[in-house]
């Protein structure tokens, strides 16, 4: 097993050039969207020799040690960047259930589907809207200034436009509201979109900043969660704004979006102008097929199916990863990683095997 690496050699310039199609390489960079904290804790203590500390918002020394561990994780696992996302604080409702994963955190939360915190104009007016200008950006500042040589910082807002609106109105409330209260729905989209845009504007100028990598789950297994017309009017224009801001500052704009978004892919590429797409599921479209279809136009990020990562034996997983690499590395613009994220139900051994297979493919034996 090659990971964690004893002598990492991150090269964010190389990563960016490959993703943007500025160069081709037989080597495939590693990438990941999110790694659950409990996974980072387990790997940090068992493999990296870290002394784990919980984040304490009132203790600066604890915060700094937490972020040092965070940086060290991405560095030692072989990534060229640290991805960091925070949320300015769109308060919403959640459903709570028992977490039965291997590395359980006790409870798991889901978005409340039937009743949001905003149901009418009175709720809208009295809601405590977060202020992106007074948000605490110090974690970004600390991480950006303490990266190992060769690494970059990729940033994101913790949830996207559609996701936050669904959180505020609930999915059911949003669907009804599109017909019963369209002006209210429009106003909520406007508030959320503006808040995230201001957030990104305030991140411009950070040392070692190399990309925006925003998440916004817009689909499910067979279609988009909202009609394409609604997405084109209320969601995609905001992503277009974020992408334009990124491009004005020589930063790629990557998008994570779960579900079947095939109907808006041309919008995402030609109008929003995303530079890369993340989140793939074999039941929707295998990453190998997506790469063949769109790989000449945008970067293809990750794609190792979550069911495969969660349930395959090491032998079968390695075979699956190797086949994916052999197909997707052709022509460049591909980075190896999960189809979604490294959640706490992914066996640690399988996560490490995926990374190990990628490093072996790149000749690091």
Protein backbone atom coordinates (compact mmCIF):
# COMPACT_ATOMS: atom_id res chain seq x y z
CA UNK A 1 0.00 0.00 0.00
CA UNK A 2 1.44 3.35 -1.10
CA UNK A 3 -0.82 5.67 0.87
CA UNK A 4 -0.43 7.67 2.98
CA UNK A 5 2.63 9.04 1.20
CA UNK A 6 5.91 9.53 3.05
CA UNK A 7 7.18 12.09 0.57
CA UNK A 8 4.30 13.77 -1.22
CA UNK A 9 5.09 15.96 -4.19
CA UNK A 10 2.00 18.10 -4.86
CA UNK A 11 1.93 20.04 -8.09
CA UNK A 12 -1.16 22.21 -8.29
CA UNK A 13 0.06 23.85 -11.48
CA UNK A 14 0.15 20.45 -13.16
CA UNK A 15 -3.31 19.59 -11.78
CA UNK A 16 -4.80 22.80 -13.12
CA UNK A 17 -3.17 22.46 -16.55
CA UNK A 18 -4.44 18.89 -16.95
CA UNK A 19 -7.96 19.77 -15.82
CA UNK A 20 -8.11 22.76 -18.17
CA UNK A 21 -6.86 20.75 -21.14
CA UNK A 22 -3.69 22.80 -21.40
CA UNK A 23 -1.55 19.67 -21.31
CA UNK A 24 -2.01 15.92 -21.47
CA UNK A 25 -0.30 13.43 -19.24
CA UNK A 26 -0.32 9.68 -18.79
CA UNK A 27 -0.45 10.35 -15.03
CA UNK A 28 -3.85 11.00 -13.45
CA UNK A 29 -4.16 13.46 -10.54
CA UNK A 30 -6.12 12.50 -7.45
CA UNK A 31 -9.13 14.51 -6.38
CA UNK A 32 -11.87 14.41 -3.79
CA UNK A 33 -14.87 16.58 -3.07
CA UNK A 34 -15.39 15.80 0.61
CA UNK A 35 -13.94 13.40 3.17
CA UNK A 36 -16.05 12.92 6.30
CA UNK A 37 -14.44 14.23 9.45
CA UNK A 38 -14.69 10.86 11.19
CA UNK A 39 -12.75 9.31 8.27
CA UNK A 40 -10.06 11.98 8.51
CA UNK A 41 -9.85 11.44 12.24
CA UNK A 42 -9.45 7.67 11.87
CA UNK A 43 -6.78 7.96 9.17
CA UNK A 44 -5.04 10.83 10.94
CA UNK A 45 -4.65 8.91 14.18
CA UNK A 46 -3.92 5.49 12.69
CA UNK A 47 -1.75 6.33 9.69
CA UNK A 48 -0.56 9.93 9.92
CA UNK A 49 0.52 10.08 13.55
CA UNK A 50 -1.78 13.02 14.22
CA UNK A 51 -2.97 14.01 17.65
CA UNK A 52 -6.61 14.67 16.87
CA UNK A 53 -8.24 17.78 18.30
CA UNK A 54 -11.87 18.79 18.04
CA UNK A 55 -12.56 22.19 16.53
CA UNK A 56 -13.29 24.72 19.28
CA UNK A 57 -14.71 28.03 17.99
CA UNK A 58 -13.59 29.75 21.21
CA UNK A 59 -9.98 28.51 21.26
CA UNK A 60 -7.62 29.86 18.60
CA UNK A 61 -4.83 27.34 19.34
CA UNK A 62 -7.22 24.41 18.98
CA UNK A 63 -8.55 25.85 15.74
CA UNK A 64 -5.04 26.18 14.29
CA UNK A 65 -4.15 22.60 15.22
CA UNK A 66 -7.41 21.39 13.69
CA UNK A 67 -6.60 23.11 10.40
CA UNK A 68 -3.00 21.87 10.47
CA UNK A 69 -4.34 18.32 10.73
CA UNK A 70 -6.78 19.10 7.94
CA UNK A 71 -4.00 20.32 5.64
CA UNK A 72 -1.77 17.37 6.54
CA UNK A 73 -4.50 14.92 5.61
CA UNK A 74 -4.89 16.23 2.06
CA UNK A 75 -1.12 16.52 1.68
CA UNK A 76 -0.22 13.02 2.88
CA UNK A 77 -3.03 11.34 0.95
CA UNK A 78 -1.52 12.54 -2.32
CA UNK A 79 -3.75 15.43 -3.33
CA UNK A 80 -2.45 18.57 -5.03
CA UNK A 81 -4.90 20.78 -3.19
CA UNK A 82 -6.86 21.29 -0.02
CA UNK A 83 -10.58 21.72 -0.61
CA UNK A 84 -12.34 23.77 2.05
CA UNK A 85 -16.00 24.67 2.22
CA UNK A 86 -17.88 26.68 4.81
CA UNK A 87 -21.48 27.88 4.90
CA UNK A 88 -22.41 31.47 5.73
CA UNK A 89 -25.38 30.13 7.67
CA UNK A 90 -28.67 29.61 5.87
CA UNK A 91 -30.57 28.07 8.80
CA UNK A 92 -32.99 25.28 7.85
CA UNK A 93 -34.77 22.25 9.28
CA UNK A 94 -33.35 18.72 9.33
CA UNK A 95 -34.57 15.21 9.94
CA UNK A 96 -32.47 13.15 12.30
CA UNK A 97 -31.93 9.40 12.13
CA UNK A 98 -29.60 6.80 13.53
CA UNK A 99 -26.21 6.57 11.82
CA UNK A 100 -25.50 2.89 11.18
CA UNK A 101 -22.25 3.38 9.23
CA UNK A 102 -19.07 1.54 10.13
CA UNK A 103 -17.57 4.75 11.54
CA UNK A 104 -20.82 5.92 13.10
CA UNK A 105 -21.20 9.43 14.44
CA UNK A 106 -24.40 8.47 16.26
CA UNK A 107 -26.91 10.45 14.25
CA UNK A 108 -27.27 11.42 10.60
CA UNK A 109 -29.31 14.34 9.30
CA UNK A 110 -31.35 14.84 6.15
CA UNK A 111 -33.09 17.88 4.73
CA UNK A 112 -36.67 18.27 5.91
CA UNK A 113 -38.90 17.57 2.91
CA UNK A 114 -42.35 18.78 3.92
CA UNK A 115 -42.14 22.07 5.82
CA UNK A 116 -39.48 24.74 5.60
CA UNK A 117 -38.60 27.65 7.85
CA UNK A 118 -40.01 30.04 5.23
CA UNK A 119 -43.66 29.43 4.32
CA UNK A 120 -44.88 32.96 3.59
CA UNK A 121 -43.79 36.59 3.26
CA UNK A 122 -43.87 37.14 7.02
CA UNK A 123 -41.38 34.29 7.46
CA UNK A 124 -39.23 35.79 4.71
CA UNK A 125 -39.16 39.21 6.34
CA UNK A 126 -38.42 37.92 9.84
CA UNK A 127 -35.88 35.30 8.80
CA UNK A 128 -32.35 36.03 10.04
CA UNK A 129 -30.55 36.19 6.70
CA UNK A 130 -26.79 35.58 6.99
CA UNK A 131 -24.44 38.40 6.07
CA UNK A 132 -21.56 37.23 3.89
CA UNK A 133 -19.64 40.43 4.57
CA UNK A 134 -19.46 39.77 8.31
CA UNK A 135 -18.76 36.05 7.96
CA UNK A 136 -15.57 34.70 9.56
CA UNK A 137 -13.16 33.87 6.73
CA UNK A 138 -10.19 33.23 9.03
CA UNK A 139 -10.10 29.43 8.37
CA UNK A 140 -9.55 30.14 4.68
CA UNK A 141 -6.85 32.65 5.51
CA UNK A 142 -5.05 30.24 7.83
CA UNK A 143 -5.20 27.29 5.44
CA UNK A 144 -4.18 29.34 2.40
CA UNK A 145 -1.09 30.66 4.21
CA UNK A 146 -0.01 27.30 5.63
CA UNK A 147 -0.08 25.03 2.60
CA UNK A 148 2.94 22.88 1.80
CA UNK A 149 4.91 23.94 -1.25
CA UNK A 150 3.17 22.94 -4.46
CA UNK A 151 -0.35 22.79 -3.02
CA UNK A 152 -3.30 25.03 -3.84
CA UNK A 153 -6.56 25.94 -2.12
CA UNK A 154 -9.91 25.06 -3.68
CA UNK A 155 -12.91 26.74 -2.07
CA UNK A 156 -16.65 26.23 -2.02
CA UNK A 157 -19.76 27.42 -0.27
CA UNK A 158 -21.09 24.55 1.83
CA UNK A 159 -24.35 24.17 -0.07
CA UNK A 160 -25.48 25.54 -3.40
CA UNK A 161 -28.33 27.71 -4.60
CA UNK A 162 -30.96 25.04 -5.13
CA UNK A 163 -29.87 23.10 -2.05
CA UNK A 164 -30.23 26.12 0.24
CA UNK A 165 -33.57 27.14 -1.23
CA UNK A 166 -34.84 23.59 -0.73
CA UNK A 167 -33.55 23.81 2.84
CA UNK A 168 -35.37 27.08 3.48
CA UNK A 169 -38.69 26.25 1.80
CA UNK A 170 -38.53 22.42 1.96
CA UNK A 171 -38.74 20.46 -1.28
CA UNK A 172 -42.50 20.18 -1.01
CA UNK A 173 -42.84 23.86 -0.12
CA UNK A 174 -40.68 24.86 -3.07
CA UNK A 175 -42.70 22.74 -5.52
CA UNK A 176 -46.00 24.19 -4.30
CA UNK A 177 -44.53 27.66 -4.06
CA UNK A 178 -43.49 27.72 -7.72
CA UNK A 179 -47.21 27.79 -8.53
CA UNK A 180 -48.81 29.31 -5.40
CA UNK A 181 -46.21 31.91 -4.39
CA UNK A 182 -43.83 32.42 -7.36
CA UNK A 183 -42.72 35.89 -6.23
CA UNK A 184 -41.77 34.57 -2.80
CA UNK A 185 -39.82 31.70 -4.33
CA UNK A 186 -38.04 34.14 -6.66
CA UNK A 187 -37.12 36.34 -3.70
CA UNK A 188 -35.65 33.40 -1.77
CA UNK A 189 -33.56 32.36 -4.77
CA UNK A 190 -32.36 35.96 -5.07
CA UNK A 191 -31.33 36.19 -1.40
CA UNK A 192 -29.46 32.89 -1.49
CA UNK A 193 -27.78 33.58 -4.82
CA UNK A 194 -26.60 37.02 -3.74
CA UNK A 195 -25.27 35.72 -0.44
CA UNK A 196 -23.15 33.05 -2.08
CA UNK A 197 -21.88 35.49 -4.71
CA UNK A 198 -20.73 37.91 -2.00
CA UNK A 199 -19.06 35.01 -0.20
CA UNK A 200 -17.01 34.17 -3.29
CA UNK A 201 -16.13 37.82 -3.90
CA UNK A 202 -14.72 37.98 -0.38
CA UNK A 203 -12.49 34.96 -1.06
CA UNK A 204 -10.83 36.49 -4.11
CA UNK A 205 -7.23 37.41 -3.39
CA UNK A 206 -6.46 34.61 -0.95
CA UNK A 207 -2.91 33.28 -1.31
CA UNK A 208 -2.72 30.03 -3.29
CA UNK A 209 -6.38 30.15 -4.33
CA UNK A 210 -6.74 28.01 -7.48
CA UNK A 211 -10.42 27.20 -8.03
CA UNK A 212 -14.06 27.46 -7.01
CA UNK A 213 -15.63 23.99 -6.67
CA UNK A 214 -19.29 24.54 -5.87
CA UNK A 215 -21.79 21.84 -5.02
CA UNK A 216 -25.48 22.03 -5.90
CA UNK A 217 -27.45 18.80 -6.18
CA UNK A 218 -29.94 19.35 -8.97
CA UNK A 219 -31.01 15.84 -9.88
CA UNK A 220 -32.10 12.39 -8.78
CA UNK A 221 -31.84 9.03 -10.52
CA UNK A 222 -33.93 9.74 -13.61
CA UNK A 223 -34.29 13.53 -13.94
CA UNK A 224 -33.67 16.93 -12.43
CA UNK A 225 -35.37 17.73 -9.12
CA UNK A 226 -36.94 20.85 -10.63
CA UNK A 227 -38.12 21.40 -14.22
CA UNK A 228 -35.28 22.54 -16.49
CA UNK A 229 -37.14 25.81 -17.13
CA UNK A 230 -37.11 26.57 -13.40
CA UNK A 231 -33.40 25.76 -13.16
CA UNK A 232 -32.63 27.97 -16.15
CA UNK A 233 -34.52 30.88 -14.61
CA UNK A 234 -33.54 30.59 -10.95
CA UNK A 235 -30.45 28.44 -10.42
CA UNK A 236 -28.15 28.37 -13.43
CA UNK A 237 -27.84 32.17 -13.75
CA UNK A 238 -26.24 32.25 -10.28
CA UNK A 239 -23.76 29.54 -11.21
CA UNK A 240 -23.03 31.58 -14.32
CA UNK A 241 -22.20 34.53 -12.05
CA UNK A 242 -19.91 32.40 -9.85
CA UNK A 243 -18.17 30.94 -12.91
CA UNK A 244 -17.70 34.41 -14.44
CA UNK A 245 -16.15 35.67 -11.20
CA UNK A 246 -13.81 32.68 -11.15
CA UNK A 247 -12.79 33.14 -14.77
CA UNK A 248 -12.20 36.88 -14.30
CA UNK A 249 -9.59 35.86 -11.73
CA UNK A 250 -8.02 33.01 -13.75
CA UNK A 251 -9.72 30.35 -11.63
CA UNK A 252 -11.49 27.24 -12.98
CA UNK A 253 -15.09 26.70 -11.92
CA UNK A 254 -15.89 23.10 -11.05
CA UNK A 255 -19.41 21.88 -10.28
CA UNK A 256 -20.53 19.00 -8.09
CA UNK A 257 -24.13 18.03 -8.81
CA UNK A 258 -25.70 14.72 -7.90
CA UNK A 259 -28.39 13.04 -9.96
CA UNK A 260 -29.37 12.97 -13.61
CA UNK A 261 -28.67 16.43 -15.03
CA UNK A 262 -28.24 15.36 -18.64
CA UNK A 263 -31.04 17.68 -19.80
CA UNK A 264 -29.06 20.75 -18.67
CA UNK A 265 -25.52 19.60 -19.47
CA UNK A 266 -25.26 21.81 -22.54
CA UNK A 267 -26.46 24.75 -20.44
CA UNK A 268 -23.81 24.00 -17.82
CA UNK A 269 -21.03 23.77 -20.40
CA UNK A 270 -22.01 26.46 -22.92
CA UNK A 271 -23.78 29.07 -20.79
CA UNK A 272 -22.65 28.59 -17.19
CA UNK A 273 -19.23 27.61 -18.56
CA UNK A 274 -18.25 25.08 -15.94
CA UNK A 275 -14.73 23.77 -16.35
CA UNK A 276 -15.34 20.38 -14.76
CA UNK A 277 -18.16 18.14 -13.54
CA UNK A 278 -18.21 15.97 -10.43
CA UNK A 279 -20.61 13.40 -8.98
CA UNK A 280 -21.32 10.26 -10.96
CA UNK A 281 -23.37 7.15 -10.35
CA UNK A 282 -23.22 4.06 -12.55
CA UNK A 283 -27.02 3.71 -12.37
CA UNK A 284 -27.31 7.12 -14.07
CA UNK A 285 -24.24 7.37 -16.31
CA UNK A 286 -20.89 5.67 -15.61
CA UNK A 287 -18.01 8.12 -15.53
CA UNK A 288 -16.39 6.23 -18.43
CA UNK A 289 -19.38 7.02 -20.65
CA UNK A 290 -19.51 10.61 -19.48
CA UNK A 291 -15.81 11.00 -20.26
CA UNK A 292 -16.29 9.75 -23.81
CA UNK A 293 -19.23 12.12 -24.32
CA UNK A 294 -17.99 15.30 -22.64
CA UNK A 295 -14.30 14.79 -21.90
CA UNK A 296 -13.10 16.97 -24.76
CA UNK A 297 -15.16 19.91 -23.47
CA UNK A 298 -14.72 19.84 -19.68
CA UNK A 299 -12.73 18.07 -16.99
CA UNK A 300 -14.23 14.90 -15.54
CA UNK A 301 -13.75 14.58 -11.78
CA UNK A 302 -13.92 11.37 -9.77
CA UNK A 303 -16.52 8.80 -10.72
CA UNK A 304 -15.68 5.67 -8.72
CA UNK A 305 -19.22 4.59 -7.91
CA UNK A 306 -20.21 4.83 -4.24
CA UNK A 307 -21.79 1.37 -4.23
CA UNK A 308 -18.57 -0.05 -5.61
CA UNK A 309 -16.51 1.75 -2.97
CA UNK A 310 -18.84 0.63 -0.22
CA UNK A 311 -19.34 -3.02 -1.14
CA UNK A 312 -16.70 -4.41 -3.52
CA UNK A 313 -13.86 -6.62 -2.38
CA UNK A 314 -10.40 -5.11 -2.66
CA UNK A 315 -9.60 -7.25 -5.71
CA UNK A 316 -12.79 -6.29 -7.55
CA UNK A 317 -12.48 -2.65 -6.54
CA UNK A 318 -8.91 -2.43 -7.85
CA UNK A 319 -10.01 -3.98 -11.13
CA UNK A 320 -12.86 -1.48 -11.42
CA UNK A 321 -10.56 1.46 -10.65
CA UNK A 322 -7.91 0.26 -13.09
CA UNK A 323 -10.48 -0.08 -15.89
CA UNK A 324 -11.82 3.40 -15.15
CA UNK A 325 -8.32 4.84 -15.27
CA UNK A 326 -7.44 3.11 -18.52
CA UNK A 327 -10.50 4.60 -20.21
CA UNK A 328 -10.70 8.02 -18.58
CA UNK A 329 -7.01 9.00 -18.67
CA UNK A 330 -7.08 9.08 -22.46
CA UNK A 331 -6.93 12.67 -23.65
CA UNK A 332 -6.32 14.03 -20.15
CA UNK A 333 -8.82 16.19 -18.25
CA UNK A 334 -9.54 13.44 -15.72
CA UNK A 335 -8.85 13.14 -11.98
CA UNK A 336 -9.40 10.01 -9.91
CA UNK A 337 -11.72 10.05 -6.92
CA UNK A 338 -15.06 8.89 -5.59
CA UNK A 339 -18.31 9.37 -7.43
CA UNK A 340 -19.53 11.54 -4.58
CA UNK A 341 -17.48 11.74 -1.37
CA UNK A 342 -15.65 9.61 1.17
CA UNK A 343 -18.51 9.06 3.57
CA UNK A 344 -18.24 7.20 6.85
CA UNK A 345 -19.88 4.11 5.36
CA UNK A 346 -16.99 3.64 2.91
CA UNK A 347 -14.53 1.06 4.30
CA UNK A 348 -11.22 2.77 4.99
CA UNK A 349 -9.40 -0.09 3.26
CA UNK A 350 -11.38 0.51 0.07
CA UNK A 351 -10.69 4.25 0.11
CA UNK A 352 -6.97 3.57 0.51
CA UNK A 353 -7.05 0.91 -2.19
CA UNK A 354 -8.63 3.34 -4.66
CA UNK A 355 -5.90 5.89 -4.01
CA UNK A 356 -3.22 3.22 -4.07
CA UNK A 357 -4.38 1.94 -7.44
CA UNK A 358 -4.26 5.47 -8.81
CA UNK A 359 -0.72 6.00 -7.59
CA UNK A 360 0.37 2.65 -9.02
CA UNK A 361 -1.22 3.59 -12.34
CA UNK A 362 0.92 6.73 -12.27
CA UNK A 363 4.06 4.68 -11.68
CA UNK A 364 4.60 5.40 -7.99
CA UNK A 365 5.62 1.89 -6.87
